[in-house]
Amino acid sequence: MPIIVKKKKGESKDDIIGKFRRLYLEEDITEEVKKRTAYTKPSAKRYAKKKIVLWRDKCRRRAKRSRNYGAKR
């Protein structure tokens, strides 16, 4: 999806460039370009997915422990 920044009355060129830059960073365009230009091996993709799953599991365990910490025993 293209990024369109329209100039409003009283805005300078620097303001418009700043808006564009913020939108560019929010959309993670640089990451997408890196993914599409460079080849990633299937094993690297599997490793990345596994790493994300392990990270989520670790966060869930940590949250569960913190919820149980204040409970009476």
PDB file of N, CA and C in Angstrom:
ATOM      1  N   MET A   1       0.839  -1.161   0.000  1.00  0.00           N
ATOM      2  CA  MET A   1       0.000   0.000   0.000  1.00  0.00           C
ATOM      3  C   MET A   1       0.894   1.236   0.000  1.00  0.00           C
ATOM      4  N   PRO A   2       0.651   2.167  -0.888  1.00  0.00           N
ATOM      5  CA  PRO A   2       1.506   3.355  -0.955  1.00  0.00           C
ATOM      6  C   PRO A   2       1.254   4.292   0.227  1.00  0.00           C
ATOM      7  N   ILE A   3       2.295   5.006   0.575  1.00  0.00           N
ATOM      8  CA  ILE A   3       2.192   5.997   1.641  1.00  0.00           C
ATOM      9  C   ILE A   3       1.965   7.348   0.988  1.00  0.00           C
ATOM     10  N   ILE A   4       0.862   7.995   1.333  1.00  0.00           N
ATOM     11  CA  ILE A   4       0.522   9.295   0.765  1.00  0.00           C
ATOM     12  C   ILE A   4       0.486  10.313   1.897  1.00  0.00           C
ATOM     13  N   VAL A   5       1.270  11.384   1.734  1.00  0.00           N
ATOM     14  CA  VAL A   5       1.281  12.460   2.710  1.00  0.00           C
ATOM     15  C   VAL A   5       0.900  13.728   1.979  1.00  0.00           C
ATOM     16  N   LYS A   6      -0.207  14.332   2.407  1.00  0.00           N
ATOM     17  CA  LYS A   6      -0.667  15.552   1.761  1.00  0.00           C
ATOM     18  C   LYS A   6      -0.252  16.769   2.576  1.00  0.00           C
ATOM     19  N   LYS A   7       0.100  17.820   1.870  1.00  0.00           N
ATOM     20  CA  LYS A   7       0.530  19.041   2.526  1.00  0.00           C
ATOM     21  C   LYS A   7      -0.693  19.841   2.958  1.00  0.00           C
ATOM     22  N   LYS A   8      -0.668  20.269   4.202  1.00  0.00           N
ATOM     23  CA  LYS A   8      -1.729  21.120   4.719  1.00  0.00           C
ATOM     24  C   LYS A   8      -1.215  22.552   4.781  1.00  0.00           C
ATOM     25  N   LYS A   9      -2.118  23.453   4.896  1.00  0.00           N
ATOM     26  CA  LYS A   9      -1.766  24.866   4.916  1.00  0.00           C
ATOM     27  C   LYS A   9      -0.876  25.169   6.125  1.00  0.00           C
ATOM     28  N   GLY A  10       0.230  25.811   5.878  1.00  0.00           N
ATOM     29  CA  GLY A  10       1.139  26.216   6.948  1.00  0.00           C
ATOM     30  C   GLY A  10       2.198  25.184   7.301  1.00  0.00           C
ATOM     31  N   GLU A  11       2.233  24.043   6.622  1.00  0.00           N
ATOM     32  CA  GLU A  11       3.242  23.024   6.913  1.00  0.00           C
ATOM     33  C   GLU A  11       4.482  23.250   6.060  1.00  0.00           C
ATOM     34  N   SER A  12       5.618  23.038   6.670  1.00  0.00           N
ATOM     35  CA  SER A  12       6.873  23.188   5.934  1.00  0.00           C
ATOM     36  C   SER A  12       7.262  21.842   5.313  1.00  0.00           C
ATOM     37  N   LYS A  13       8.304  21.874   4.498  1.00  0.00           N
ATOM     38  CA  LYS A  13       8.799  20.642   3.876  1.00  0.00           C
ATOM     39  C   LYS A  13       9.301  19.673   4.937  1.00  0.00           C
ATOM     40  N   ASP A  14       9.925  20.222   5.981  1.00  0.00           N
ATOM     41  CA  ASP A  14      10.436  19.362   7.046  1.00  0.00           C
ATOM     42  C   ASP A  14       9.302  18.634   7.779  1.00  0.00           C
ATOM     43  N   ASP A  15       8.178  19.320   7.973  1.00  0.00           N
ATOM     44  CA  ASP A  15       7.029  18.685   8.621  1.00  0.00           C
ATOM     45  C   ASP A  15       6.506  17.522   7.780  1.00  0.00           C
ATOM     46  N   ILE A  16       6.437  17.725   6.495  1.00  0.00           N
ATOM     47  CA  ILE A  16       5.933  16.689   5.589  1.00  0.00           C
ATOM     48  C   ILE A  16       6.888  15.502   5.559  1.00  0.00           C
ATOM     49  N   ILE A  17       8.181  15.779   5.520  1.00  0.00           N
ATOM     50  CA  ILE A  17       9.171  14.696   5.529  1.00  0.00           C
ATOM     51  C   ILE A  17       9.090  13.923   6.840  1.00  0.00           C
ATOM     52  N   GLY A  18       8.889  14.634   7.942  1.00  0.00           N
ATOM     53  CA  GLY A  18       8.744  13.968   9.239  1.00  0.00           C
ATOM     54  C   GLY A  18       7.530  13.061   9.287  1.00  0.00           C
ATOM     55  N   LYS A  19       6.407  13.519   8.740  1.00  0.00           N
ATOM     56  CA  LYS A  19       5.200  12.689   8.674  1.00  0.00           C
ATOM     57  C   LYS A  19       5.456  11.433   7.864  1.00  0.00           C
ATOM     58  N   PHE A  20       6.096  11.619   6.702  1.00  0.00           N
ATOM     59  CA  PHE A  20       6.398  10.479   5.843  1.00  0.00           C
ATOM     60  C   PHE A  20       7.288   9.490   6.573  1.00  0.00           C
ATOM     61  N   ARG A  21       8.296   9.996   7.249  1.00  0.00           N
ATOM     62  CA  ARG A  21       9.244   9.131   7.954  1.00  0.00           C
ATOM     63  C   ARG A  21       8.535   8.325   9.045  1.00  0.00           C
ATOM     64  N   ARG A  22       7.655   8.957   9.818  1.00  0.00           N
ATOM     65  CA  ARG A  22       6.918   8.258  10.863  1.00  0.00           C
ATOM     66  C   ARG A  22       6.038   7.151  10.275  1.00  0.00           C
ATOM     67  N   LEU A  23       5.330   7.472   9.193  1.00  0.00           N
ATOM     68  CA  LEU A  23       4.485   6.461   8.547  1.00  0.00           C
ATOM     69  C   LEU A  23       5.327   5.309   8.003  1.00  0.00           C
ATOM     70  N   TYR A  24       6.469   5.651   7.443  1.00  0.00           N
ATOM     71  CA  TYR A  24       7.383   4.659   6.887  1.00  0.00           C
ATOM     72  C   TYR A  24       7.851   3.702   7.979  1.00  0.00           C
ATOM     73  N   LEU A  25       8.194   4.245   9.130  1.00  0.00           N
ATOM     74  CA  LEU A  25       8.660   3.403  10.231  1.00  0.00           C
ATOM     75  C   LEU A  25       7.525   2.577  10.823  1.00  0.00           C
ATOM     76  N   GLU A  26       6.316   3.134  10.894  1.00  0.00           N
ATOM     77  CA  GLU A  26       5.181   2.392  11.430  1.00  0.00           C
ATOM     78  C   GLU A  26       4.825   1.188  10.567  1.00  0.00           C
ATOM     79  N   GLU A  27       4.963   1.332   9.272  1.00  0.00           N
ATOM     80  CA  GLU A  27       4.597   0.256   8.354  1.00  0.00           C
ATOM     81  C   GLU A  27       5.670  -0.828   8.251  1.00  0.00           C
ATOM     82  N   ASP A  28       6.840  -0.617   8.828  1.00  0.00           N
ATOM     83  CA  ASP A  28       7.955  -1.580   8.758  1.00  0.00           C
ATOM     84  C   ASP A  28       8.315  -1.936   7.319  1.00  0.00           C
ATOM     85  N   ILE A  29       8.421  -0.939   6.498  1.00  0.00           N
ATOM     86  CA  ILE A  29       8.731  -1.159   5.087  1.00  0.00           C
ATOM     87  C   ILE A  29      10.147  -1.691   4.917  1.00  0.00           C
ATOM     88  N   THR A  30      11.078  -1.206   5.722  1.00  0.00           N
ATOM     89  CA  THR A  30      12.460  -1.667   5.593  1.00  0.00           C
ATOM     90  C   THR A  30      12.563  -3.161   5.872  1.00  0.00           C
ATOM     91  N   GLU A  31      11.838  -3.640   6.883  1.00  0.00           N
ATOM     92  CA  GLU A  31      11.867  -5.068   7.197  1.00  0.00           C
ATOM     93  C   GLU A  31      11.292  -5.888   6.039  1.00  0.00           C
ATOM     94  N   GLU A  32      10.216  -5.392   5.459  1.00  0.00           N
ATOM     95  CA  GLU A  32       9.592  -6.096   4.339  1.00  0.00           C
ATOM     96  C   GLU A  32      10.532  -6.166   3.144  1.00  0.00           C
ATOM     97  N   VAL A  33      11.226  -5.088   2.879  1.00  0.00           N
ATOM     98  CA  VAL A  33      12.172  -5.064   1.756  1.00  0.00           C
ATOM     99  C   VAL A  33      13.309  -6.048   2.010  1.00  0.00           C
ATOM    100  N   LYS A  34      13.813  -6.084   3.232  1.00  0.00           N
ATOM    101  CA  LYS A  34      14.887  -7.024   3.568  1.00  0.00           C
ATOM    102  C   LYS A  34      14.422  -8.463   3.386  1.00  0.00           C
ATOM    103  N   LYS A  35      13.179  -8.748   3.830  1.00  0.00           N
ATOM    104  CA  LYS A  35      12.655 -10.109   3.692  1.00  0.00           C
ATOM    105  C   LYS A  35      12.540 -10.516   2.231  1.00  0.00           C
ATOM    106  N   ARG A  36      12.085  -9.594   1.394  1.00  0.00           N
ATOM    107  CA  ARG A  36      11.828  -9.941  -0.005  1.00  0.00           C
ATOM    108  C   ARG A  36      13.090  -9.995  -0.857  1.00  0.00           C
ATOM    109  N   THR A  37      14.109  -9.225  -0.501  1.00  0.00           N
ATOM    110  CA  THR A  37      15.304  -9.194  -1.336  1.00  0.00           C
ATOM    111  C   THR A  37      16.270 -10.329  -1.014  1.00  0.00           C
ATOM    112  N   ALA A  38      16.354 -10.682   0.260  1.00  0.00           N
ATOM    113  CA  ALA A  38      17.311 -11.706   0.654  1.00  0.00           C
ATOM    114  C   ALA A  38      16.616 -13.058   0.784  1.00  0.00           C
ATOM    115  N   TYR A  39      17.283 -14.099   0.337  1.00  0.00           N
ATOM    116  CA  TYR A  39      16.741 -15.446   0.453  1.00  0.00           C
ATOM    117  C   TYR A  39      16.996 -15.958   1.863  1.00  0.00           C
ATOM    118  N   THR A  40      15.985 -16.526   2.465  1.00  0.00           N
ATOM    119  CA  THR A  40      16.160 -17.171   3.755  1.00  0.00           C
ATOM    120  C   THR A  40      15.894 -18.654   3.603  1.00  0.00           C
ATOM    121  N   LYS A  41      16.786 -19.429   4.158  1.00  0.00           N
ATOM    122  CA  LYS A  41      16.649 -20.870   4.061  1.00  0.00           C
ATOM    123  C   LYS A  41      15.426 -21.330   4.846  1.00  0.00           C
ATOM    124  N   PRO A  42      14.787 -22.400   4.396  1.00  0.00           N
ATOM    125  CA  PRO A  42      13.622 -22.916   5.118  1.00  0.00           C
ATOM    126  C   PRO A  42      13.932 -23.261   6.577  1.00  0.00           C
ATOM    127  N   SER A  43      15.131 -23.765   6.833  1.00  0.00           N
ATOM    128  CA  SER A  43      15.489 -24.099   8.216  1.00  0.00           C
ATOM    129  C   SER A  43      15.557 -22.839   9.068  1.00  0.00           C
ATOM    130  N   ALA A  44      16.003 -21.724   8.492  1.00  0.00           N
ATOM    131  CA  ALA A  44      16.060 -20.460   9.235  1.00  0.00           C
ATOM    132  C   ALA A  44      14.653 -19.965   9.550  1.00  0.00           C
ATOM    133  N   LYS A  45      13.719 -20.170   8.611  1.00  0.00           N
ATOM    134  CA  LYS A  45      12.332 -19.775   8.854  1.00  0.00           C
ATOM    135  C   LYS A  45      11.737 -20.601   9.994  1.00  0.00           C
ATOM    136  N   ARG A  46      11.998 -21.910   9.975  1.00  0.00           N
ATOM    137  CA  ARG A  46      11.488 -22.777  11.032  1.00  0.00           C
ATOM    138  C   ARG A  46      12.075 -22.382  12.381  1.00  0.00           C
ATOM    139  N   TYR A  47      13.357 -22.070  12.400  1.00  0.00           N
ATOM    140  CA  TYR A  47      14.029 -21.672  13.637  1.00  0.00           C
ATOM    141  C   TYR A  47      13.418 -20.380  14.177  1.00  0.00           C
ATOM    142  N   ALA A  48      13.113 -19.438  13.304  1.00  0.00           N
ATOM    143  CA  ALA A  48      12.524 -18.166  13.734  1.00  0.00           C
ATOM    144  C   ALA A  48      11.137 -18.390  14.331  1.00  0.00           C
ATOM    145  N   LYS A  49      10.334 -19.244  13.693  1.00  0.00           N
ATOM    146  CA  LYS A  49       8.997 -19.538  14.224  1.00  0.00           C
ATOM    147  C   LYS A  49       9.096 -20.198  15.594  1.00  0.00           C
ATOM    148  N   LYS A  50      10.032 -21.146  15.722  1.00  0.00           N
ATOM    149  CA  LYS A  50      10.215 -21.845  16.984  1.00  0.00           C
ATOM    150  C   LYS A  50      10.649 -20.872  18.078  1.00  0.00           C
ATOM    151  N   LYS A  51      11.506 -19.952  17.722  1.00  0.00           N
ATOM    152  CA  LYS A  51      11.994 -18.962  18.674  1.00  0.00           C
ATOM    153  C   LYS A  51      10.842 -18.083  19.179  1.00  0.00           C
ATOM    154  N   ILE A  52       9.936 -17.700  18.291  1.00  0.00           N
ATOM    155  CA  ILE A  52       8.784 -16.886  18.673  1.00  0.00           C
ATOM    156  C   ILE A  52       7.867 -17.671  19.609  1.00  0.00           C
ATOM    157  N   VAL A  53       7.627 -18.935  19.292  1.00  0.00           N
ATOM    158  CA  VAL A  53       6.760 -19.766  20.130  1.00  0.00           C
ATOM    159  C   VAL A  53       7.361 -19.906  21.530  1.00  0.00           C
ATOM    160  N   LEU A  54       8.661 -20.151  21.612  1.00  0.00           N
ATOM    161  CA  LEU A  54       9.308 -20.284  22.910  1.00  0.00           C
ATOM    162  C   LEU A  54       9.242 -18.982  23.697  1.00  0.00           C
ATOM    163  N   TRP A  55       9.402 -17.862  23.027  1.00  0.00           N
ATOM    164  CA  TRP A  55       9.346 -16.561  23.687  1.00  0.00           C
ATOM    165  C   TRP A  55       7.952 -16.306  24.257  1.00  0.00           C
ATOM    166  N   ARG A  56       6.905 -16.611  23.471  1.00  0.00           N
ATOM    167  CA  ARG A  56       5.526 -16.430  23.944  1.00  0.00           C
ATOM    168  C   ARG A  56       5.251 -17.311  25.161  1.00  0.00           C
ATOM    169  N   ASP A  57       5.722 -18.552  25.093  1.00  0.00           N
ATOM    170  CA  ASP A  57       5.522 -19.481  26.198  1.00  0.00           C
ATOM    171  C   ASP A  57       6.205 -18.966  27.463  1.00  0.00           C
ATOM    172  N   LYS A  58       7.390 -18.435  27.307  1.00  0.00           N
ATOM    173  CA  LYS A  58       8.134 -17.881  28.432  1.00  0.00           C
ATOM    174  C   LYS A  58       7.383 -16.699  29.050  1.00  0.00           C
ATOM    175  N   CYS A  59       6.821 -15.845  28.218  1.00  0.00           N
ATOM    176  CA  CYS A  59       6.056 -14.699  28.707  1.00  0.00           C
ATOM    177  C   CYS A  59       4.801 -15.158  29.436  1.00  0.00           C
ATOM    178  N   ARG A  60       4.129 -16.163  28.902  1.00  0.00           N
ATOM    179  CA  ARG A  60       2.916 -16.677  29.537  1.00  0.00           C
ATOM    180  C   ARG A  60       3.235 -17.269  30.911  1.00  0.00           C
ATOM    181  N   ARG A  61       4.333 -18.037  30.987  1.00  0.00           N
ATOM    182  CA  ARG A  61       4.719 -18.617  32.267  1.00  0.00           C
ATOM    183  C   ARG A  61       5.053 -17.530  33.276  1.00  0.00           C
ATOM    184  N   ARG A  62       5.750 -16.508  32.833  1.00  0.00           N
ATOM    185  CA  ARG A  62       6.123 -15.409  33.723  1.00  0.00           C
ATOM    186  C   ARG A  62       4.871 -14.682  34.226  1.00  0.00           C
ATOM    187  N   ALA A  63       3.903 -14.451  33.342  1.00  0.00           N
ATOM    188  CA  ALA A  63       2.670 -13.777  33.728  1.00  0.00           C
ATOM    189  C   ALA A  63       1.871 -14.634  34.701  1.00  0.00           C
ATOM    190  N   LYS A  64       1.844 -15.928  34.454  1.00  0.00           N
ATOM    191  CA  LYS A  64       1.107 -16.833  35.329  1.00  0.00           C
ATOM    192  C   LYS A  64       1.732 -16.848  36.720  1.00  0.00           C
ATOM    193  N   ARG A  65       3.071 -16.867  36.785  1.00  0.00           N
ATOM    194  CA  ARG A  65       3.762 -16.844  38.066  1.00  0.00           C
ATOM    195  C   ARG A  65       3.481 -15.549  38.821  1.00  0.00           C
ATOM    196  N   SER A  66       3.445 -14.436  38.109  1.00  0.00           N
ATOM    197  CA  SER A  66       3.209 -13.154  38.771  1.00  0.00           C
ATOM    198  C   SER A  66       1.775 -13.051  39.297  1.00  0.00           C
ATOM    199  N   ARG A  67       0.829 -13.659  38.596  1.00  0.00           N
ATOM    200  CA  ARG A  67      -0.557 -13.665  39.083  1.00  0.00           C
ATOM    201  C   ARG A  67      -0.685 -14.505  40.346  1.00  0.00           C
ATOM    202  N   ASN A  68       0.039 -15.622  40.404  1.00  0.00           N
ATOM    203  CA  ASN A  68      -0.030 -16.519  41.562  1.00  0.00           C
ATOM    204  C   ASN A  68       0.815 -16.023  42.728  1.00  0.00           C
ATOM    205  N   TYR A  69       1.660 -15.076  42.507  1.00  0.00           N
ATOM    206  CA  TYR A  69       2.578 -14.610  43.551  1.00  0.00           C
ATOM    207  C   TYR A  69       1.837 -13.988  44.721  1.00  0.00           C
ATOM    208  N   GLY A  70       0.792 -13.203  44.435  1.00  0.00           N
ATOM    209  CA  GLY A  70       0.069 -12.524  45.492  1.00  0.00           C
ATOM    210  C   GLY A  70      -0.999 -13.364  46.161  1.00  0.00           C
ATOM    211  N   ALA A  71      -1.256 -14.574  45.662  1.00  0.00           N
ATOM    212  CA  ALA A  71      -2.316 -15.421  46.212  1.00  0.00           C
ATOM    213  C   ALA A  71      -1.897 -15.978  47.570  1.00  0.00           C
ATOM    214  N   LYS A  72      -2.901 -16.172  48.429  1.00  0.00           N
ATOM    215  CA  LYS A  72      -2.624 -16.749  49.740  1.00  0.00           C
ATOM    216  C   LYS A  72      -2.419 -18.243  49.603  1.00  0.00           C
ATOM    217  N   ARG A  73      -1.504 -18.746  50.409  1.00  0.00           N
ATOM    218  CA  ARG A  73      -1.190 -20.171  50.323  1.00  0.00           C
ATOM    219  C   ARG A  73      -1.565 -20.879  51.578  1.00  0.00           C
TER     220      ARG A  73
END
